All heavy atoms as atom14 arrays in JSON, in Angstrom:
{
  "sequence": "ATDLIRSLREQPATAAIPVIGYAGHVEREFLQAGMAAGATMVVPNS",
  "atom14_mask": [
    [1, 1, 1, 1, 1, 0, 0, 0, 0, 0, 0, 0, 0, 0],
    [1, 1, 1, 1, 1, 1, 1, 0, 0, 0, 0, 0, 0, 0],
    [1, 1, 1, 1, 1, 1, 1, 1, 0, 0, 0, 0, 0, 0],
    [1, 1, 1, 1, 1, 1, 1, 1, 0, 0, 0, 0, 0, 0],
    [1, 1, 1, 1, 1, 1, 1, 1, 0, 0, 0, 0, 0, 0],
    [1, 1, 1, 1, 1, 1, 1, 1, 1, 1, 1, 0, 0, 0],
    [1, 1, 1, 1, 1, 1, 0, 0, 0, 0, 0, 0, 0, 0],
    [1, 1, 1, 1, 1, 1, 1, 1, 0, 0, 0, 0, 0, 0],
    [1, 1, 1, 1, 1, 1, 1, 1, 1, 1, 1, 0, 0, 0],
    [1, 1, 1, 1, 1, 1, 1, 1, 1, 0, 0, 0, 0, 0],
    [1, 1, 1, 1, 1, 1, 1, 1, 1, 0, 0, 0, 0, 0],
    [1, 1, 1, 1, 1, 1, 1, 0, 0, 0, 0, 0, 0, 0],
    [1, 1, 1, 1, 1, 0, 0, 0, 0, 0, 0, 0, 0, 0],
    [1, 1, 1, 1, 1, 1, 1, 0, 0, 0, 0, 0, 0, 0],
    [1, 1, 1, 1, 1, 0, 0, 0, 0, 0, 0, 0, 0, 0],
    [1, 1, 1, 1, 1, 0, 0, 0, 0, 0, 0, 0, 0, 0],
    [1, 1, 1, 1, 1, 1, 1, 1, 0, 0, 0, 0, 0, 0],
    [1, 1, 1, 1, 1, 1, 1, 0, 0, 0, 0, 0, 0, 0],
    [1, 1, 1, 1, 1, 1, 1, 0, 0, 0, 0, 0, 0, 0],
    [1, 1, 1, 1, 1, 1, 1, 1, 0, 0, 0, 0, 0, 0],
    [1, 1, 1, 1, 0, 0, 0, 0, 0, 0, 0, 0, 0, 0],
    [1, 1, 1, 1, 1, 1, 1, 1, 1, 1, 1, 1, 0, 0],
    [1, 1, 1, 1, 1, 0, 0, 0, 0, 0, 0, 0, 0, 0],
    [1, 1, 1, 1, 0, 0, 0, 0, 0, 0, 0, 0, 0, 0],
    [1, 1, 1, 1, 1, 1, 1, 1, 1, 1, 0, 0, 0, 0],
    [1, 1, 1, 1, 1, 1, 1, 0, 0, 0, 0, 0, 0, 0],
    [1, 1, 1, 1, 1, 1, 1, 1, 1, 0, 0, 0, 0, 0],
    [1, 1, 1, 1, 1, 1, 1, 1, 1, 1, 1, 0, 0, 0],
    [1, 1, 1, 1, 1, 1, 1, 1, 1, 0, 0, 0, 0, 0],
    [1, 1, 1, 1, 1, 1, 1, 1, 1, 1, 1, 0, 0, 0],
    [1, 1, 1, 1, 1, 1, 1, 1, 0, 0, 0, 0, 0, 0],
    [1, 1, 1, 1, 1, 1, 1, 1, 1, 0, 0, 0, 0, 0],
    [1, 1, 1, 1, 1, 0, 0, 0, 0, 0, 0, 0, 0, 0],
    [1, 1, 1, 1, 0, 0, 0, 0, 0, 0, 0, 0, 0, 0],
    [1, 1, 1, 1, 1, 1, 1, 1, 0, 0, 0, 0, 0, 0],
    [1, 1, 1, 1, 1, 0, 0, 0, 0, 0, 0, 0, 0, 0],
    [1, 1, 1, 1, 1, 0, 0, 0, 0, 0, 0, 0, 0, 0],
    [1, 1, 1, 1, 0, 0, 0, 0, 0, 0, 0, 0, 0, 0],
    [1, 1, 1, 1, 1, 0, 0, 0, 0, 0, 0, 0, 0, 0],
    [1, 1, 1, 1, 1, 1, 1, 0, 0, 0, 0, 0, 0, 0],
    [1, 1, 1, 1, 1, 1, 1, 1, 0, 0, 0, 0, 0, 0],
    [1, 1, 1, 1, 1, 1, 1, 0, 0, 0, 0, 0, 0, 0],
    [1, 1, 1, 1, 1, 1, 1, 0, 0, 0, 0, 0, 0, 0],
    [1, 1, 1, 1, 1, 1, 1, 0, 0, 0, 0, 0, 0, 0],
    [1, 1, 1, 1, 1, 1, 1, 1, 0, 0, 0, 0, 0, 0],
    [1, 1, 1, 1, 1, 1, 0, 0, 0, 0, 0, 0, 0, 0]
  ],
  "atom14_positions": [
    [[-62.75, 13.21, 33.36], [-62.77, 12.95, 34.8], [-61.47, 13.35, 35.49], [-61.49, 13.94, 36.56], [-63.08, 11.48, 35.06], [0.0, 0.0, 0.0], [0.0, 0.0, 0.0], [0.0, 0.0, 0.0], [0.0, 0.0, 0.0], [0.0, 0.0, 0.0], [0.0, 0.0, 0.0], [0.0, 0.0, 0.0], [0.0, 0.0, 0.0], [0.0, 0.0, 0.0]],
    [[-60.35, 13.07, 34.86], [-59.08, 13.4, 35.51], [-58.9, 14.91, 35.61], [-58.39, 15.4, 36.62], [-57.89, 12.77, 34.76], [-57.94, 13.12, 33.39], [-57.91, 11.25, 34.91], [0.0, 0.0, 0.0], [0.0, 0.0, 0.0], [0.0, 0.0, 0.0], [0.0, 0.0, 0.0], [0.0, 0.0, 0.0], [0.0, 0.0, 0.0], [0.0, 0.0, 0.0]],
    [[-59.33, 15.65, 34.6], [-59.26, 17.12, 34.69], [-60.16, 17.63, 35.81], [-59.8, 18.56, 36.53], [-59.69, 17.77, 33.37], [-58.69, 17.53, 32.25], [-57.54, 17.11, 32.53], [-59.06, 17.77, 31.08], [0.0, 0.0, 0.0], [0.0, 0.0, 0.0], [0.0, 0.0, 0.0], [0.0, 0.0, 0.0], [0.0, 0.0, 0.0], [0.0, 0.0, 0.0]],
    [[-61.31, 17.01, 35.96], [-62.24, 17.4, 37.01], [-61.64, 17.13, 38.39], [-61.71, 17.98, 39.29], [-63.56, 16.65, 36.85], [-64.66, 16.97, 37.84], [-64.97, 18.45, 37.88], [-65.9, 16.17, 37.49], [0.0, 0.0, 0.0], [0.0, 0.0, 0.0], [0.0, 0.0, 0.0], [0.0, 0.0, 0.0], [0.0, 0.0, 0.0], [0.0, 0.0, 0.0]],
    [[-61.02, 15.98, 38.57], [-60.39, 15.66, 39.85], [-59.28, 16.66, 40.14], [-59.18, 17.19, 41.25], [-59.85, 14.22, 39.86], [-61.01, 13.23, 39.77], [-59.02, 13.96, 41.12], [-60.6, 11.8, 39.5], [0.0, 0.0, 0.0], [0.0, 0.0, 0.0], [0.0, 0.0, 0.0], [0.0, 0.0, 0.0], [0.0, 0.0, 0.0], [0.0, 0.0, 0.0]],
    [[-58.44, 16.93, 39.15], [-57.36, 17.92, 39.35], [-57.93, 19.29, 39.74], [-57.4, 19.97, 40.62], [-56.51, 18.05, 38.09], [-55.53, 16.95, 37.92], [-54.56, 17.23, 36.74], [-53.98, 15.98, 36.33], [-54.44, 15.2, 35.35], [-55.49, 15.57, 34.65], [-53.85, 14.07, 35.06], [0.0, 0.0, 0.0], [0.0, 0.0, 0.0], [0.0, 0.0, 0.0]],
    [[-59.0, 19.69, 39.09], [-59.63, 20.97, 39.39], [-60.14, 21.01, 40.83], [-59.97, 22.0, 41.53], [-60.79, 21.22, 38.41], [-61.48, 22.39, 38.75], [0.0, 0.0, 0.0], [0.0, 0.0, 0.0], [0.0, 0.0, 0.0], [0.0, 0.0, 0.0], [0.0, 0.0, 0.0], [0.0, 0.0, 0.0], [0.0, 0.0, 0.0], [0.0, 0.0, 0.0]],
    [[-60.75, 19.93, 41.26], [-61.23, 19.86, 42.66], [-60.06, 19.97, 43.63], [-60.16, 20.64, 44.66], [-61.97, 18.54, 42.9], [-63.32, 18.39, 42.22], [-63.79, 16.94, 42.3], [-64.35, 19.33, 42.84], [0.0, 0.0, 0.0], [0.0, 0.0, 0.0], [0.0, 0.0, 0.0], [0.0, 0.0, 0.0], [0.0, 0.0, 0.0], [0.0, 0.0, 0.0]],
    [[-58.96, 19.32, 43.32], [-57.79, 19.34, 44.21], [-57.1, 20.7, 44.25], [-56.48, 21.06, 45.24], [-56.78, 18.26, 43.78], [-57.3, 16.86, 43.99], [-57.55, 16.61, 45.47], [-58.13, 15.3, 45.71], [-59.27, 15.11, 46.35], [-59.98, 16.12, 46.78], [-59.71, 13.9, 46.56], [0.0, 0.0, 0.0], [0.0, 0.0, 0.0], [0.0, 0.0, 0.0]],
    [[-57.21, 21.47, 43.17], [-56.55, 22.77, 43.1], [-57.3, 23.87, 43.83], [-56.72, 24.89, 44.16], [-56.36, 23.18, 41.63], [-55.35, 22.32, 40.9], [-55.35, 22.56, 39.4], [-56.19, 23.34, 38.9], [-54.51, 21.94, 38.72], [0.0, 0.0, 0.0], [0.0, 0.0, 0.0], [0.0, 0.0, 0.0], [0.0, 0.0, 0.0], [0.0, 0.0, 0.0]],
    [[-58.59, 23.68, 44.08], [-59.4, 24.71, 44.73], [-59.45, 24.48, 46.24], [-59.82, 23.39, 46.68], [-60.82, 24.71, 44.16], [-60.86, 25.01, 42.68], [-62.27, 24.92, 42.13], [-63.22, 25.28, 42.8], [-62.39, 24.43, 40.91], [0.0, 0.0, 0.0], [0.0, 0.0, 0.0], [0.0, 0.0, 0.0], [0.0, 0.0, 0.0], [0.0, 0.0, 0.0]],
    [[-59.1, 25.47, 47.03], [-59.11, 25.3, 48.49], [-60.45, 24.81, 49.03], [-60.49, 24.01, 49.96], [-58.78, 26.69, 49.02], [-58.04, 27.36, 47.91], [-58.62, 26.8, 46.64], [0.0, 0.0, 0.0], [0.0, 0.0, 0.0], [0.0, 0.0, 0.0], [0.0, 0.0, 0.0], [0.0, 0.0, 0.0], [0.0, 0.0, 0.0], [0.0, 0.0, 0.0]],
    [[-61.55, 25.24, 48.45], [-62.88, 24.87, 48.95], [-63.21, 23.4, 48.73], [-64.06, 22.84, 49.41], [-63.95, 25.73, 48.31], [0.0, 0.0, 0.0], [0.0, 0.0, 0.0], [0.0, 0.0, 0.0], [0.0, 0.0, 0.0], [0.0, 0.0, 0.0], [0.0, 0.0, 0.0], [0.0, 0.0, 0.0], [0.0, 0.0, 0.0], [0.0, 0.0, 0.0]],
    [[-62.54, 22.74, 47.78], [-62.88, 21.36, 47.46], [-61.69, 20.39, 47.57], [-61.86, 19.19, 47.39], [-63.45, 21.26, 46.03], [-62.47, 21.78, 45.11], [-64.75, 22.05, 45.91], [0.0, 0.0, 0.0], [0.0, 0.0, 0.0], [0.0, 0.0, 0.0], [0.0, 0.0, 0.0], [0.0, 0.0, 0.0], [0.0, 0.0, 0.0], [0.0, 0.0, 0.0]],
    [[-60.53, 20.9, 47.91], [-59.32, 20.08, 47.9], [-59.38, 18.89, 48.85], [-58.81, 17.83, 48.56], [-58.11, 20.95, 48.24], [0.0, 0.0, 0.0], [0.0, 0.0, 0.0], [0.0, 0.0, 0.0], [0.0, 0.0, 0.0], [0.0, 0.0, 0.0], [0.0, 0.0, 0.0], [0.0, 0.0, 0.0], [0.0, 0.0, 0.0], [0.0, 0.0, 0.0]],
    [[-60.06, 19.01, 49.96], [-60.07, 17.94, 50.96], [-61.25, 16.98, 50.83], [-61.34, 16.01, 51.58], [-60.06, 18.55, 52.35], [0.0, 0.0, 0.0], [0.0, 0.0, 0.0], [0.0, 0.0, 0.0], [0.0, 0.0, 0.0], [0.0, 0.0, 0.0], [0.0, 0.0, 0.0], [0.0, 0.0, 0.0], [0.0, 0.0, 0.0], [0.0, 0.0, 0.0]],
    [[-62.14, 17.21, 49.89], [-63.3, 16.31, 49.73], [-62.81, 14.97, 49.17], [-62.13, 14.94, 48.15], [-64.35, 16.93, 48.78], [-64.89, 18.23, 49.35], [-65.49, 15.93, 48.52], [-65.78, 19.01, 48.4], [0.0, 0.0, 0.0], [0.0, 0.0, 0.0], [0.0, 0.0, 0.0], [0.0, 0.0, 0.0], [0.0, 0.0, 0.0], [0.0, 0.0, 0.0]],
    [[-63.12, 13.86, 49.85], [-62.71, 12.56, 49.33], [-63.36, 12.27, 47.98], [-64.54, 12.55, 47.77], [-63.23, 11.58, 50.38], [-63.47, 12.38, 51.6], [-63.82, 13.76, 51.13], [0.0, 0.0, 0.0], [0.0, 0.0, 0.0], [0.0, 0.0, 0.0], [0.0, 0.0, 0.0], [0.0, 0.0, 0.0], [0.0, 0.0, 0.0], [0.0, 0.0, 0.0]],
    [[-62.55, 11.72, 47.07], [-63.01, 11.39, 45.72], [-62.72, 9.91, 45.46], [-61.58, 9.48, 45.61], [-62.32, 12.25, 44.65], [-62.69, 11.8, 43.26], [-62.64, 13.72, 44.85], [0.0, 0.0, 0.0], [0.0, 0.0, 0.0], [0.0, 0.0, 0.0], [0.0, 0.0, 0.0], [0.0, 0.0, 0.0], [0.0, 0.0, 0.0], [0.0, 0.0, 0.0]],
    [[-63.76, 9.18, 45.08], [-63.58, 7.8, 44.64], [-63.86, 7.77, 43.14], [-64.94, 8.12, 42.69], [-64.54, 6.84, 45.36], [-64.26, 6.82, 46.86], [-64.41, 5.42, 44.77], [-65.23, 5.96, 47.66], [0.0, 0.0, 0.0], [0.0, 0.0, 0.0], [0.0, 0.0, 0.0], [0.0, 0.0, 0.0], [0.0, 0.0, 0.0], [0.0, 0.0, 0.0]],
    [[-62.86, 7.37, 42.38], [-63.02, 7.19, 40.94], [-63.3, 5.73, 40.64], [-62.81, 4.84, 41.35], [0.0, 0.0, 0.0], [0.0, 0.0, 0.0], [0.0, 0.0, 0.0], [0.0, 0.0, 0.0], [0.0, 0.0, 0.0], [0.0, 0.0, 0.0], [0.0, 0.0, 0.0], [0.0, 0.0, 0.0], [0.0, 0.0, 0.0], [0.0, 0.0, 0.0]],
    [[-64.08, 5.48, 39.61], [-64.37, 4.09, 39.25], [-64.38, 3.91, 37.74], [-64.66, 4.84, 36.99], [-65.69, 3.6, 39.88], [-66.9, 4.44, 39.55], [-67.7, 4.15, 38.45], [-67.23, 5.53, 40.34], [-68.81, 4.92, 38.16], [-68.34, 6.31, 40.06], [-69.13, 6.0, 38.96], [-70.22, 6.78, 38.68], [0.0, 0.0, 0.0], [0.0, 0.0, 0.0]],
    [[-64.01, 2.7, 37.34], [-63.96, 2.32, 35.92], [-64.03, 0.81, 35.87], [-63.94, 0.13, 36.9], [-62.67, 2.82, 35.28], [0.0, 0.0, 0.0], [0.0, 0.0, 0.0], [0.0, 0.0, 0.0], [0.0, 0.0, 0.0], [0.0, 0.0, 0.0], [0.0, 0.0, 0.0], [0.0, 0.0, 0.0], [0.0, 0.0, 0.0], [0.0, 0.0, 0.0]],
    [[-64.16, 0.27, 34.68], [-64.18, -1.18, 34.52], [-62.87, -1.78, 35.0], [-61.81, -1.16, 34.91], [0.0, 0.0, 0.0], [0.0, 0.0, 0.0], [0.0, 0.0, 0.0], [0.0, 0.0, 0.0], [0.0, 0.0, 0.0], [0.0, 0.0, 0.0], [0.0, 0.0, 0.0], [0.0, 0.0, 0.0], [0.0, 0.0, 0.0], [0.0, 0.0, 0.0]],
    [[-62.93, -3.01, 35.52], [-61.73, -3.63, 36.09], [-60.62, -3.85, 35.06], [-59.46, -3.91, 35.43], [-62.08, -4.94, 36.81], [-62.45, -6.05, 35.89], [-63.71, -6.17, 35.35], [-61.72, -7.09, 35.41], [-63.74, -7.24, 34.58], [-62.56, -7.81, 34.58], [0.0, 0.0, 0.0], [0.0, 0.0, 0.0], [0.0, 0.0, 0.0], [0.0, 0.0, 0.0]],
    [[-60.96, -3.93, 33.78], [-59.94, -4.09, 32.75], [-59.43, -2.75, 32.23], [-58.48, -2.72, 31.44], [-60.45, -4.96, 31.57], [-60.77, -6.36, 32.04], [-61.64, -4.32, 30.9], [0.0, 0.0, 0.0], [0.0, 0.0, 0.0], [0.0, 0.0, 0.0], [0.0, 0.0, 0.0], [0.0, 0.0, 0.0], [0.0, 0.0, 0.0], [0.0, 0.0, 0.0]],
    [[-60.02, -1.67, 32.67], [-59.63, -0.34, 32.22], [-58.61, 0.27, 33.18], [-58.78, 1.34, 33.73], [-60.87, 0.56, 32.09], [-61.84, 0.01, 31.06], [-63.14, 0.79, 31.01], [-63.83, 0.86, 32.04], [-63.44, 1.32, 29.92], [0.0, 0.0, 0.0], [0.0, 0.0, 0.0], [0.0, 0.0, 0.0], [0.0, 0.0, 0.0], [0.0, 0.0, 0.0]],
    [[-57.52, -0.45, 33.35], [-56.49, -0.07, 34.31], [-55.92, 1.33, 34.07], [-55.58, 2.04, 35.0], [-55.36, -1.09, 34.32], [-55.8, -2.45, 34.79], [-54.59, -3.35, 35.02], [-54.91, -4.74, 35.15], [-55.48, -5.31, 36.19], [-55.84, -4.58, 37.19], [-55.72, -6.6, 36.21], [0.0, 0.0, 0.0], [0.0, 0.0, 0.0], [0.0, 0.0, 0.0]],
    [[-55.83, 1.71, 32.79], [-55.28, 3.04, 32.49], [-56.15, 4.15, 33.07], [-55.64, 5.17, 33.53], [-55.06, 3.23, 30.98], [-56.33, 3.31, 30.14], [-56.95, 1.96, 29.76], [-56.5, 0.9, 30.21], [-57.93, 2.0, 28.99], [0.0, 0.0, 0.0], [0.0, 0.0, 0.0], [0.0, 0.0, 0.0], [0.0, 0.0, 0.0], [0.0, 0.0, 0.0]],
    [[-57.46, 3.95, 33.1], [-58.36, 4.94, 33.7], [-58.21, 4.95, 35.22], [-58.2, 6.02, 35.84], [-59.83, 4.66, 33.33], [-60.15, 4.98, 31.91], [-60.2, 3.98, 30.95], [-60.42, 6.29, 31.51], [-60.5, 4.27, 29.63], [-60.72, 6.59, 30.2], [-60.75, 5.58, 29.25], [0.0, 0.0, 0.0], [0.0, 0.0, 0.0], [0.0, 0.0, 0.0]],
    [[-58.09, 3.76, 35.81], [-57.91, 3.68, 37.26], [-56.59, 4.33, 37.67], [-56.55, 5.11, 38.64], [-57.97, 2.22, 37.72], [-59.33, 1.53, 37.48], [-59.21, 0.03, 37.72], [-60.41, 2.13, 38.34], [0.0, 0.0, 0.0], [0.0, 0.0, 0.0], [0.0, 0.0, 0.0], [0.0, 0.0, 0.0], [0.0, 0.0, 0.0], [0.0, 0.0, 0.0]],
    [[-55.53, 4.07, 36.94], [-54.22, 4.67, 37.23], [-54.27, 6.18, 37.04], [-53.72, 6.94, 37.85], [-53.13, 4.04, 36.37], [-52.86, 2.61, 36.72], [-51.98, 1.9, 35.7], [-51.76, 2.37, 34.59], [-51.48, 0.73, 36.08], [0.0, 0.0, 0.0], [0.0, 0.0, 0.0], [0.0, 0.0, 0.0], [0.0, 0.0, 0.0], [0.0, 0.0, 0.0]],
    [[-54.92, 6.63, 35.98], [-55.02, 8.07, 35.72], [-55.83, 8.77, 36.81], [-55.5, 9.9, 37.19], [-55.65, 8.32, 34.34], [0.0, 0.0, 0.0], [0.0, 0.0, 0.0], [0.0, 0.0, 0.0], [0.0, 0.0, 0.0], [0.0, 0.0, 0.0], [0.0, 0.0, 0.0], [0.0, 0.0, 0.0], [0.0, 0.0, 0.0], [0.0, 0.0, 0.0]],
    [[-56.85, 8.12, 37.32], [-57.63, 8.7, 38.42], [-56.8, 8.91, 39.66], [-56.87, 9.96, 40.3], [0.0, 0.0, 0.0], [0.0, 0.0, 0.0], [0.0, 0.0, 0.0], [0.0, 0.0, 0.0], [0.0, 0.0, 0.0], [0.0, 0.0, 0.0], [0.0, 0.0, 0.0], [0.0, 0.0, 0.0], [0.0, 0.0, 0.0], [0.0, 0.0, 0.0]],
    [[-55.98, 7.92, 40.01], [-55.1, 8.07, 41.17], [-54.07, 9.18, 40.93], [-53.82, 10.0, 41.81], [-54.38, 6.76, 41.5], [-55.25, 5.75, 42.19], [-56.02, 6.33, 43.75], [-54.59, 6.47, 44.82], [0.0, 0.0, 0.0], [0.0, 0.0, 0.0], [0.0, 0.0, 0.0], [0.0, 0.0, 0.0], [0.0, 0.0, 0.0], [0.0, 0.0, 0.0]],
    [[-53.5, 9.2, 39.73], [-52.5, 10.21, 39.41], [-53.1, 11.62, 39.45], [-52.4, 12.58, 39.79], [-51.89, 9.94, 38.03], [0.0, 0.0, 0.0], [0.0, 0.0, 0.0], [0.0, 0.0, 0.0], [0.0, 0.0, 0.0], [0.0, 0.0, 0.0], [0.0, 0.0, 0.0], [0.0, 0.0, 0.0], [0.0, 0.0, 0.0], [0.0, 0.0, 0.0]],
    [[-54.39, 11.74, 39.14], [-55.04, 13.05, 39.14], [-55.39, 13.52, 40.55], [-55.7, 14.69, 40.74], [-56.31, 12.99, 38.29], [0.0, 0.0, 0.0], [0.0, 0.0, 0.0], [0.0, 0.0, 0.0], [0.0, 0.0, 0.0], [0.0, 0.0, 0.0], [0.0, 0.0, 0.0], [0.0, 0.0, 0.0], [0.0, 0.0, 0.0], [0.0, 0.0, 0.0]],
    [[-55.35, 12.61, 41.52], [-55.63, 13.02, 42.89], [-56.83, 12.38, 43.55], [-57.25, 12.81, 44.62], [0.0, 0.0, 0.0], [0.0, 0.0, 0.0], [0.0, 0.0, 0.0], [0.0, 0.0, 0.0], [0.0, 0.0, 0.0], [0.0, 0.0, 0.0], [0.0, 0.0, 0.0], [0.0, 0.0, 0.0], [0.0, 0.0, 0.0], [0.0, 0.0, 0.0]],
    [[-57.4, 11.33, 42.94], [-58.51, 10.63, 43.6], [-58.0, 10.04, 44.91], [-56.85, 9.6, 45.0], [-59.06, 9.53, 42.7], [0.0, 0.0, 0.0], [0.0, 0.0, 0.0], [0.0, 0.0, 0.0], [0.0, 0.0, 0.0], [0.0, 0.0, 0.0], [0.0, 0.0, 0.0], [0.0, 0.0, 0.0], [0.0, 0.0, 0.0], [0.0, 0.0, 0.0]],
    [[-58.84, 10.02, 45.9], [-58.48, 9.43, 47.18], [-58.31, 7.93, 47.03], [-57.42, 7.33, 47.63], [-59.57, 9.73, 48.23], [-59.88, 11.13, 48.19], [-59.13, 9.34, 49.62], [0.0, 0.0, 0.0], [0.0, 0.0, 0.0], [0.0, 0.0, 0.0], [0.0, 0.0, 0.0], [0.0, 0.0, 0.0], [0.0, 0.0, 0.0], [0.0, 0.0, 0.0]],
    [[-59.17, 7.33, 46.24], [-59.04, 5.92, 45.9], [-59.77, 5.66, 44.59], [-60.62, 6.46, 44.19], [-59.55, 5.0, 47.02], [-61.03, 5.06, 47.29], [-61.58, 4.06, 48.73], [-61.36, 2.41, 48.17], [0.0, 0.0, 0.0], [0.0, 0.0, 0.0], [0.0, 0.0, 0.0], [0.0, 0.0, 0.0], [0.0, 0.0, 0.0], [0.0, 0.0, 0.0]],
    [[-59.41, 4.57, 43.93], [-60.09, 4.14, 42.71], [-60.48, 2.68, 42.88], [-59.78, 1.92, 43.54], [-59.24, 4.34, 41.44], [-58.96, 5.82, 41.19], [-57.94, 3.56, 41.52], [0.0, 0.0, 0.0], [0.0, 0.0, 0.0], [0.0, 0.0, 0.0], [0.0, 0.0, 0.0], [0.0, 0.0, 0.0], [0.0, 0.0, 0.0], [0.0, 0.0, 0.0]],
    [[-61.62, 2.33, 42.28], [-62.13, 0.96, 42.39], [-62.8, 0.58, 41.08], [-63.22, 1.44, 40.31], [-63.13, 0.82, 43.55], [-62.47, 1.09, 44.89], [-64.33, 1.73, 43.36], [0.0, 0.0, 0.0], [0.0, 0.0, 0.0], [0.0, 0.0, 0.0], [0.0, 0.0, 0.0], [0.0, 0.0, 0.0], [0.0, 0.0, 0.0], [0.0, 0.0, 0.0]],
    [[-62.93, -0.72, 40.84], [-63.68, -1.14, 39.66], [-65.17, -0.9, 39.84], [-65.68, -0.86, 40.96], [-63.36, -2.63, 39.54], [-62.76, -3.05, 40.82], [-62.3, -1.83, 41.53], [0.0, 0.0, 0.0], [0.0, 0.0, 0.0], [0.0, 0.0, 0.0], [0.0, 0.0, 0.0], [0.0, 0.0, 0.0], [0.0, 0.0, 0.0], [0.0, 0.0, 0.0]],
    [[-65.87, -0.78, 38.72], [-67.32, -0.59, 38.76], [-68.0, -1.64, 39.62], [-68.95, -1.34, 40.35], [-67.91, -0.68, 37.34], [-67.49, 0.46, 36.45], [-67.08, 1.51, 36.91], [-67.59, 0.24, 35.16], [0.0, 0.0, 0.0], [0.0, 0.0, 0.0], [0.0, 0.0, 0.0], [0.0, 0.0, 0.0], [0.0, 0.0, 0.0], [0.0, 0.0, 0.0]],
    [[-67.54, -2.88, 39.53], [-68.18, -3.97, 40.27], [-68.14, -3.72, 41.78], [-69.08, -4.09, 42.49], [-67.52, -5.3, 39.94], [-66.14, -5.26, 40.27], [0.0, 0.0, 0.0], [0.0, 0.0, 0.0], [0.0, 0.0, 0.0], [0.0, 0.0, 0.0], [0.0, 0.0, 0.0], [0.0, 0.0, 0.0], [0.0, 0.0, 0.0], [0.0, 0.0, 0.0]]
  ]
}
């Protein structure tokens, strides 16, 4: 997922599309990695 988000951000045609990443609330490393990759926001699955 993080590679996919980075790829979207690198392409001019998709760079501005808002991206919401989601993972389990205890999977903080995935949520943090999603933000670091360029997600507009991340939220828990719930």
